[in-house]
Structures are given as structure tokens and as C-alpha cells.
């Protein structure tokens, strides 16, 4: 039986664990602590930190595991690439690329001059509060350089708010570094792409709707198609330029992009992996490819064809992926939520009365539905 190690056992990894199982893999998983829904779908779970590449490599050698990959985790991607290279097994990107995409200030520095700086925004890296000296771009967004899942993020409108924002961000940073960025007014989109031999053969653009009452862009839903206009030519140039510059030549890639008041794209984040919002499921259910299966087959050596990545929308007019959210540290109560009558898929992360784990500390995802009309 083929064996795969999937670092991470959160809700984002559950989908991939299930696909690997359906392909006949014996699935090993790991995390730094013994919790996470993915444990229950694994053949074997082990307490190993997903950033501990040396221990993961040794574990894979000892257990004769032939593949390592994950989805939805920026933290795990440098580990995946480093271990795969050491074991001489298939992988999509270099450790350097994964680390740049995983560290916000490195990504900003790498891309600030690309296309004459048209994709960039003002930013500054901070090791202590005094490093804010000279910053005068407001509103601004303050966040840990290595954060994910909207942890530790604050939008500030004046200098008097910077101290609290800095302390909140650095509390959530492993590296103990903070980045402040110019806040771009406009609307946000997500792009799920797939690259084959340096060719972006597939991209799916959805409108990203966040809670306006909470900081940091906490996700509420993804809408398709995008309801607002934007410069599609400029967007495609950004996607290709960024992937080329970062040497993302194969596999999935995910972008978060802000569209400014002129309709032009400004890069927020890019990461060479599948997203953590189950958008593969929305894409597949409205006539697109199954990106999870394609990714796994690609790792096995089956290069996706143009036909594999075709999109057939059929009669879909509108679709959305909507999250159910609840306060952290409260007890799950499904009766608080109403599923849409057009929902074609519903999934819950918690059973009734389970305590909701704090992640962003404002509104936590407890499940989702896919609505197609």
C-alpha cells in the first residue's frame, strides 16, 4: 500500500486526507498537539510539529513513507518541500519559494519592484514598536509576518492605535516580527490557480466577503461570479508575473488580491498550495475540475492535460461558499443556523455542545454550505 504523510489535521486537511484514502493510500498525519478533526480520518496520527522538518524526514524514513504533501497550511509548505527534496520524492516548489510565500515581509521585498512596482503597496517590517517611526500611511493594516488564519491582525486609522496593534500582532508571531502595510480601499478577490510546466492552465476568481465589524478580513463567504468589475487583463498579468518571478512552475497556487478604486489588482498574499476554504469543492460542484484529485495525481507523475482542467459551468448563474461562524469558547449549537434551500452541500466542523476553539478570537468557522442557483 502506498503511504503518504500529511502535516496538519485541521479542517482544511480533512478533505485531502479523504481523497488520499479514496486513492488507496495509507495516510499518516502529524501536528504539534493531539487535537484536530483530521486525526479521526487518518490511519495513524503522531505528535510531531509540522515545522520540524528533520523529525518528519526521520519519521518518513523509518516508516517507509513515499510521499508528503498538505493543503491549507502555509506553515507546513517549507517543511513539505525540504523533506521531499531530501528524500528525492516528487514536489512542486522549492523550500525557498515556500518560505518566501510564508513570510509576509520577505514576499513584499521579493515583489516590490515587479512590473515597476504596480502590484506593490507601502510596507515596513517591525521588530519593536519604535520601528513605526516615520510611518504615515493610514489607514494601515498591522499583522505578524508569519501569521495565517487572520490571527493577530488589526486595521488602524491613526498613529494612536499602533501600539495596541503591534502588541497584538507580535503576540501571534513565531518569529516575533510584525509588518505594517498600507490598507488598500476596494474589494477583495481570491484566485485559485493550477500551473503545469510554467503555464497557468486554470484560474478561478471568486469575490471574498469578510466581516466588516471585525479586523483582519475574517472570511464570511466566497461568491461566484464576482459582482464588481475589475481589469481582467491586469489581473492575468499579475498572476503570471508573480508565478514566474517566484518560480511556481507546477501545482496549485492561491492568491488573495485587493481591487483598488480604478479596478486594478494589488497583491495581498500568494501561496503555492490549495486554499483552506474548501473552494476546490465549490469549483468541482459547479462544473470545474477536482483540484484535490488532480494535485495528488500530479504528485504521482500524471501531468494534468488541458481537458483535465476544463471548466463546464452548465446552467449555474450564481454560487457561493458560505461559512457558519460562532463565538470562540462557546458551545456548538447547530440550531442557531439555517441552511439555505439551495444548498447542495453542508458540512459541520463540530458536534453539538463541543467547545469552539479560538483561532482568530472573533468569529470562528464551525461549518460551511455550498449554494448553487
Protein backbone atom coordinates (compact mmCIF):
# COMPACT_ATOMS: atom_id res chain seq x y z
CA UNK A 1 0.00 0.00 0.00
CA UNK A 2 1.24 3.49 -0.86
CA UNK A 3 1.92 5.73 2.12
CA UNK A 4 1.61 9.50 2.45
CA UNK A 5 2.31 11.88 5.33
CA UNK A 6 0.04 14.91 5.62
CA UNK A 7 1.30 17.58 8.05
CA UNK A 8 -1.68 19.12 9.82
CA UNK A 9 -5.02 17.70 10.92
CA UNK A 10 -7.28 20.76 10.77
CA UNK A 11 -10.47 21.12 8.77
CA UNK A 12 -8.53 22.17 5.67
CA UNK A 13 -6.55 18.93 5.71
CA UNK A 14 -9.58 16.65 6.20
CA UNK A 15 -10.60 16.99 2.54
CA UNK A 16 -7.16 15.93 1.34
CA UNK A 17 -6.95 13.07 3.82
CA UNK A 18 -10.24 11.70 2.46
CA UNK A 19 -9.06 11.98 -1.16
CA UNK A 20 -5.81 10.16 -0.35
CA UNK A 21 -7.77 7.41 1.36
CA UNK A 22 -10.03 7.06 -1.69
CA UNK A 23 -6.89 6.61 -3.83
CA UNK A 24 -5.78 3.71 -1.66
CA UNK A 25 -3.11 5.46 0.39
CA UNK A 26 -2.26 4.63 3.96
CA UNK A 27 -2.46 8.10 5.48
CA UNK A 28 -0.13 9.26 8.24
CA UNK A 29 -0.73 12.69 9.80
CA UNK A 30 1.02 14.85 12.37
CA UNK A 31 0.57 18.01 14.39
CA UNK A 32 2.27 19.65 17.35
CA UNK A 33 -0.59 18.65 19.65
CA UNK A 34 -3.14 15.88 19.87
CA UNK A 35 -6.19 17.63 18.52
CA UNK A 36 -7.83 18.26 15.17
CA UNK A 37 -10.60 16.61 13.19
CA UNK A 38 -8.19 15.05 10.72
CA UNK A 39 -6.91 12.57 13.33
CA UNK A 40 -10.13 10.58 13.06
CA UNK A 41 -9.74 10.06 9.30
CA UNK A 42 -6.04 9.13 9.42
CA UNK A 43 -4.64 5.63 9.58
CA UNK A 44 -2.01 6.86 12.02
CA UNK A 45 -1.59 10.18 13.82
CA UNK A 46 1.63 11.29 15.51
CA UNK A 47 2.51 14.29 17.65
CA UNK A 48 5.21 15.97 15.53
CA UNK A 49 5.42 19.70 14.93
CA UNK A 50 4.70 20.42 11.25
CA UNK A 51 7.68 22.81 11.11
CA UNK A 52 10.12 20.18 12.42
CA UNK A 53 11.46 19.01 9.05
CA UNK A 54 14.26 16.85 10.49
CA UNK A 55 11.91 14.82 12.69
CA UNK A 56 9.40 14.45 9.87
CA UNK A 57 12.11 13.27 7.48
CA UNK A 58 13.34 10.70 10.01
CA UNK A 59 9.78 9.54 10.66
CA UNK A 60 9.15 9.06 6.94
CA UNK A 61 12.38 7.08 6.50
CA UNK A 62 11.59 4.87 9.50
CA UNK A 63 8.07 4.14 8.22
CA UNK A 64 8.97 3.91 4.51
CA UNK A 65 6.53 6.67 3.58
CA UNK A 66 6.82 7.59 -0.09
CA UNK A 67 5.01 10.94 -0.28
CA UNK A 68 4.46 14.12 1.77
CA UNK A 69 2.03 16.91 1.00
CA UNK A 70 -0.62 19.09 2.60
CA UNK A 71 -3.23 21.73 1.80
CA UNK A 72 -4.41 24.88 3.56
CA UNK A 73 -1.25 25.44 5.63
CA UNK A 74 1.45 27.99 4.85
CA UNK A 75 3.44 26.84 7.88
CA UNK A 76 3.77 23.32 6.53
CA UNK A 77 4.80 24.14 2.96
CA UNK A 78 8.52 24.84 3.59
CA UNK A 79 8.69 21.57 5.54
CA UNK A 80 6.99 19.65 2.73
CA UNK A 81 9.44 20.96 0.14
CA UNK A 82 12.53 20.47 2.31
CA UNK A 83 11.64 16.90 3.26
CA UNK A 84 10.58 15.92 -0.26
CA UNK A 85 13.88 17.19 -1.66
CA UNK A 86 15.88 15.34 1.00
CA UNK A 87 14.01 12.10 0.27
CA UNK A 88 14.16 12.69 -3.51
CA UNK A 89 10.39 12.37 -3.94
CA UNK A 90 8.13 14.48 -6.21
CA UNK A 91 7.29 18.02 -5.08
CA UNK A 92 6.14 21.19 -6.79
CA UNK A 93 8.18 24.06 -5.34
CA UNK A 94 11.48 24.79 -3.64
CA UNK A 95 11.84 25.38 0.07
CA UNK A 96 12.94 28.96 -0.69
CA UNK A 97 9.75 29.70 -2.62
CA UNK A 98 7.61 28.19 0.12
CA UNK A 99 9.41 30.23 2.80
CA UNK A 100 9.09 33.50 0.89
CA UNK A 101 5.36 32.95 0.44
CA UNK A 102 5.04 32.01 4.10
CA UNK A 103 6.74 35.20 5.37
CA UNK A 104 4.93 38.41 4.53
CA UNK A 105 7.87 40.80 4.69
CA UNK A 106 10.02 38.52 2.52
CA UNK A 107 7.21 38.32 -0.03
CA UNK A 108 6.83 42.12 -0.09
CA UNK A 109 10.57 42.60 -0.53
CA UNK A 110 10.71 39.99 -3.31
CA UNK A 111 7.89 41.52 -5.32
CA UNK A 112 8.05 45.26 -4.61
CA UNK A 113 9.78 46.11 -7.91
CA UNK A 114 7.89 43.64 -10.09
CA UNK A 115 6.15 45.32 -13.05
CA UNK A 116 7.66 48.66 -11.96
CA UNK A 117 6.04 48.31 -8.56
CA UNK A 118 2.47 48.33 -9.87
CA UNK A 119 1.49 45.36 -7.71
CA UNK A 120 3.12 46.56 -4.52
CA UNK A 121 1.93 48.61 -1.57
CA UNK A 122 3.79 50.57 1.10
CA UNK A 123 5.04 48.38 3.95
CA UNK A 124 7.54 48.23 6.79
CA UNK A 125 8.94 45.38 8.89
CA UNK A 126 8.97 45.93 12.65
CA UNK A 127 10.95 44.25 15.41
CA UNK A 128 9.79 46.67 18.08
CA UNK A 129 7.26 49.44 18.45
CA UNK A 130 9.85 52.18 17.83
CA UNK A 131 10.26 50.90 14.25
CA UNK A 132 6.94 52.60 13.41
CA UNK A 133 8.87 55.88 13.36
CA UNK A 134 8.20 57.68 10.09
CA UNK A 135 5.15 55.58 9.14
CA UNK A 136 2.42 57.89 7.85
CA UNK A 137 0.20 55.71 5.63
CA UNK A 138 -3.29 55.48 7.12
CA UNK A 139 -5.44 53.50 7.21
CA UNK A 140 -2.93 50.69 7.67
CA UNK A 141 -3.03 47.01 8.49
CA UNK A 142 -0.73 45.54 11.14
CA UNK A 143 -0.09 41.78 11.25
CA UNK A 144 2.50 39.13 12.16
CA UNK A 145 4.93 38.41 9.31
CA UNK A 146 4.28 34.67 9.67
CA UNK A 147 0.62 34.57 10.64
CA UNK A 148 -2.20 32.70 8.99
CA UNK A 149 -5.92 32.28 9.55
CA UNK A 150 -6.41 36.03 10.21
CA UNK A 151 -4.62 35.76 13.56
CA UNK A 152 -3.15 38.88 15.14
CA UNK A 153 -4.39 41.36 12.53
CA UNK A 154 -5.62 44.91 13.18
CA UNK A 155 -6.67 47.74 10.89
CA UNK A 156 -5.55 51.09 12.29
CA UNK A 157 -6.73 54.54 11.26
CA UNK A 158 -4.26 56.72 13.16
CA UNK A 159 -0.91 56.60 14.95
CA UNK A 160 -2.56 56.37 18.38
CA UNK A 161 -3.80 52.85 17.54
CA UNK A 162 -0.39 51.48 16.52
CA UNK A 163 0.86 50.35 19.93
CA UNK A 164 -2.06 48.04 20.68
CA UNK A 165 -1.95 46.71 17.12
CA UNK A 166 1.77 45.98 17.38
CA UNK A 167 1.40 44.13 20.70
CA UNK A 168 -1.49 42.05 19.33
CA UNK A 169 0.44 41.14 16.16
CA UNK A 170 3.74 40.23 17.81
CA UNK A 171 1.89 38.03 20.28
CA UNK A 172 0.85 35.89 17.29
CA UNK A 173 4.24 35.78 15.56
CA UNK A 174 6.62 32.85 15.93
CA UNK A 175 9.44 34.97 14.52
CA UNK A 176 8.48 37.93 16.74
CA UNK A 177 8.28 40.21 13.75
CA UNK A 178 5.45 42.43 12.59
CA UNK A 179 4.63 44.01 9.25
CA UNK A 180 2.60 47.18 8.71
CA UNK A 181 1.10 47.72 5.27
CA UNK A 182 -0.82 50.44 3.53
CA UNK A 183 -4.52 49.48 3.60
CA UNK A 184 -5.98 49.40 0.10
CA UNK A 185 -9.57 50.56 -0.19
CA UNK A 186 -11.60 48.39 -2.53
CA UNK A 187 -12.95 44.88 -2.70
CA UNK A 188 -11.15 41.58 -2.35
CA UNK A 189 -10.98 38.56 -4.62
CA UNK A 190 -9.47 35.11 -4.31
CA UNK A 191 -7.90 33.27 -7.22
CA UNK A 192 -7.39 29.52 -7.24
CA UNK A 193 -4.97 28.59 -9.99
CA UNK A 194 -3.26 25.49 -11.31
CA UNK A 195 0.08 25.53 -13.14
CA UNK A 196 1.52 22.88 -15.45
CA UNK A 197 5.08 23.33 -16.68
CA UNK A 198 5.04 27.10 -16.01
CA UNK A 199 1.69 27.54 -17.77
CA UNK A 200 -1.23 28.82 -15.68
CA UNK A 201 -3.79 26.49 -17.21
CA UNK A 202 -6.61 27.12 -14.76
CA UNK A 203 -7.79 30.04 -12.64
CA UNK A 204 -11.00 30.56 -10.72
CA UNK A 205 -11.83 34.03 -9.45
CA UNK A 206 -14.25 34.46 -6.56
CA UNK A 207 -15.30 37.51 -4.57
CA UNK A 208 -14.14 37.32 -0.97
CA UNK A 209 -16.66 38.67 1.55
CA UNK A 210 -15.34 39.43 5.04
CA UNK A 211 -16.95 40.53 8.29
CA UNK A 212 -16.88 44.34 8.27
CA UNK A 213 -17.21 44.54 12.04
CA UNK A 214 -14.03 42.57 12.78
CA UNK A 215 -10.40 43.32 11.86
CA UNK A 216 -8.18 41.27 9.58
CA UNK A 217 -10.50 40.15 6.82
CA UNK A 218 -12.18 37.27 8.66
CA UNK A 219 -13.88 35.30 5.91
CA UNK A 220 -17.64 35.16 5.66
CA UNK A 221 -18.23 33.78 2.17
CA UNK A 222 -16.91 33.39 -1.38
CA UNK A 223 -19.16 34.45 -4.27
CA UNK A 224 -19.11 33.39 -7.90
CA UNK A 225 -19.18 35.18 -10.23
CA UNK A 226 -17.56 38.36 -8.93
CA UNK A 227 -20.25 41.04 -8.68
CA UNK A 228 -17.97 44.03 -9.28
CA UNK A 229 -15.85 44.99 -12.27
CA UNK A 230 -12.06 44.81 -12.47
CA UNK A 231 -9.30 44.92 -15.08
CA UNK A 232 -9.13 41.29 -16.14
CA UNK A 233 -6.07 41.80 -18.35
CA UNK A 234 -4.12 43.38 -15.48
CA UNK A 235 -5.18 40.56 -13.16
CA UNK A 236 -3.92 37.86 -15.54
CA UNK A 237 -0.63 39.70 -15.96
CA UNK A 238 -0.21 39.85 -12.17
CA UNK A 239 -0.92 36.12 -11.80
CA UNK A 240 1.60 35.15 -14.46
CA UNK A 241 4.26 37.67 -13.41
CA UNK A 242 4.16 36.62 -9.76
CA UNK A 243 4.26 32.89 -10.51
CA UNK A 244 7.15 33.35 -12.94
CA UNK A 245 9.14 35.51 -10.53
CA UNK A 246 8.63 33.15 -7.58
CA UNK A 247 9.38 30.07 -9.73
CA UNK A 248 5.99 28.47 -9.09
CA UNK A 249 6.05 26.15 -12.11
CA UNK A 250 3.73 23.28 -11.19
CA UNK A 251 0.82 22.55 -8.92
CA UNK A 252 -1.81 24.68 -7.20
CA UNK A 253 -1.45 28.35 -6.34
CA UNK A 254 -3.73 30.62 -4.34
CA UNK A 255 -3.92 34.42 -4.41
CA UNK A 256 -5.63 36.99 -2.23
CA UNK A 257 -5.90 40.24 -4.15
CA UNK A 258 -7.41 43.65 -3.49
CA UNK A 259 -9.03 45.51 -6.38
CA UNK A 260 -8.47 49.24 -5.99
CA UNK A 261 -10.84 52.07 -6.91
CA UNK A 262 -9.56 52.05 -10.51
CA UNK A 263 -10.19 48.32 -10.92
CA UNK A 264 -6.51 47.34 -10.78
CA UNK A 265 -5.20 44.43 -8.69
CA UNK A 266 -2.92 44.82 -5.66
CA UNK A 267 -1.37 41.65 -4.29
CA UNK A 268 -2.18 40.83 -0.68
CA UNK A 269 -0.86 37.27 -0.47
CA UNK A 270 0.17 34.40 -2.72
CA UNK A 271 0.86 30.85 -1.64
CA UNK A 272 1.79 27.75 -3.70
CA UNK A 273 -0.89 25.46 -2.33
CA UNK A 274 -4.61 24.82 -2.33
CA UNK A 275 -6.58 27.24 -0.18
CA UNK A 276 -8.01 26.34 3.23
CA UNK A 277 -11.59 27.40 2.46
CA UNK A 278 -12.76 24.27 0.56
CA UNK A 279 -13.03 26.26 -2.67
CA UNK A 280 -11.99 23.12 -4.55
CA UNK A 281 -15.43 21.77 -3.50
CA UNK A 282 -17.28 24.80 -4.85
CA UNK A 283 -15.28 24.66 -8.09
CA UNK A 284 -15.97 20.96 -8.56
CA UNK A 285 -19.71 21.25 -7.81
CA UNK A 286 -20.29 23.94 -10.42
CA UNK A 287 -18.56 22.05 -13.21
CA UNK A 288 -14.87 22.59 -12.60
CA UNK A 289 -12.04 20.11 -12.11
CA UNK A 290 -11.45 18.29 -8.82
CA UNK A 291 -8.26 20.13 -7.84
CA UNK A 292 -7.57 17.83 -4.90
CA UNK A 293 -7.52 14.74 -7.09
CA UNK A 294 -5.55 16.49 -9.83
CA UNK A 295 -2.93 17.61 -7.29
CA UNK A 296 -2.50 14.09 -5.92
CA UNK A 297 -2.29 12.56 -9.42
CA UNK A 298 0.23 15.23 -10.45
CA UNK A 299 2.44 14.28 -7.48
CA UNK A 300 2.20 10.68 -8.67
CA UNK A 301 3.56 11.75 -12.06
CA UNK A 302 0.32 12.15 -14.02
CA UNK A 303 0.67 15.57 -15.66
CA UNK A 304 -2.74 17.29 -15.98
CA UNK A 305 -3.94 17.94 -19.51
CA UNK A 306 -5.92 20.93 -20.72
CA UNK A 307 -9.01 18.72 -20.75
CA UNK A 308 -8.40 17.71 -17.11
CA UNK A 309 -8.58 21.39 -16.13
CA UNK A 310 -11.60 22.34 -18.21
CA UNK A 311 -14.48 24.24 -16.67
CA UNK A 312 -18.08 23.44 -17.72
CA UNK A 313 -20.43 25.82 -15.93
CA UNK A 314 -23.59 24.21 -17.27
CA UNK A 315 -26.59 26.26 -16.08
CA UNK A 316 -25.04 27.83 -12.99
CA UNK A 317 -25.94 31.51 -12.60
CA UNK A 318 -24.73 32.18 -9.08
CA UNK A 319 -22.89 30.14 -6.49
CA UNK A 320 -21.38 30.75 -3.08
CA UNK A 321 -19.50 29.06 -0.30
CA UNK A 322 -20.84 30.44 2.99
CA UNK A 323 -19.29 29.78 6.38
CA UNK A 324 -21.22 29.22 9.57
CA UNK A 325 -19.45 31.07 12.37
CA UNK A 326 -19.79 31.23 16.12
CA UNK A 327 -18.08 32.94 19.05
CA UNK A 328 -14.88 31.29 20.30
CA UNK A 329 -15.08 29.26 23.53
CA UNK A 330 -18.85 28.90 23.18
CA UNK A 331 -20.58 25.53 22.83
CA UNK A 332 -21.62 24.44 19.36
CA UNK A 333 -25.34 24.75 18.70
CA UNK A 334 -26.42 23.83 15.17
CA UNK A 335 -29.96 25.05 15.85
CA UNK A 336 -28.62 28.62 15.61
CA UNK A 337 -28.04 28.18 11.88
CA UNK A 338 -30.37 27.88 8.93
CA UNK A 339 -29.17 26.11 5.80
CA UNK A 340 -30.17 27.68 2.51
CA UNK A 341 -32.80 25.83 0.48
CA UNK A 342 -30.42 25.91 -2.49
CA UNK A 343 -27.56 24.38 -0.51
CA UNK A 344 -26.11 21.37 -2.32
CA UNK A 345 -23.52 20.59 0.35
CA UNK A 346 -23.36 21.20 4.10
CA UNK A 347 -20.55 20.27 6.48
CA UNK A 348 -20.10 20.89 10.20
CA UNK A 349 -16.75 21.07 11.95
CA UNK A 350 -18.20 20.46 15.42
CA UNK A 351 -20.84 18.31 17.03
CA UNK A 352 -23.45 19.91 19.27
CA UNK A 353 -22.10 21.01 22.68
CA UNK A 354 -18.45 20.83 21.58
CA UNK A 355 -16.47 23.89 22.63
CA UNK A 356 -15.41 26.15 19.76
CA UNK A 357 -11.62 26.54 19.68
CA UNK A 358 -10.30 30.13 19.49
CA UNK A 359 -8.28 30.80 16.33
CA UNK A 360 -8.93 34.39 15.24
CA UNK A 361 -10.68 35.15 18.58
CA UNK A 362 -13.61 36.98 16.97
CA UNK A 363 -15.75 34.64 14.85
CA UNK A 364 -14.67 31.04 14.33
CA UNK A 365 -15.67 28.85 11.41
CA UNK A 366 -17.86 25.97 12.57
CA UNK A 367 -19.03 24.67 9.19
CA UNK A 368 -19.98 25.71 5.68
CA UNK A 369 -22.56 25.32 2.93
CA UNK A 370 -22.31 25.49 -0.85
CA UNK A 371 -25.23 27.21 -2.55
CA UNK A 372 -25.84 26.88 -6.29
CA UNK A 373 -28.61 28.65 -8.17
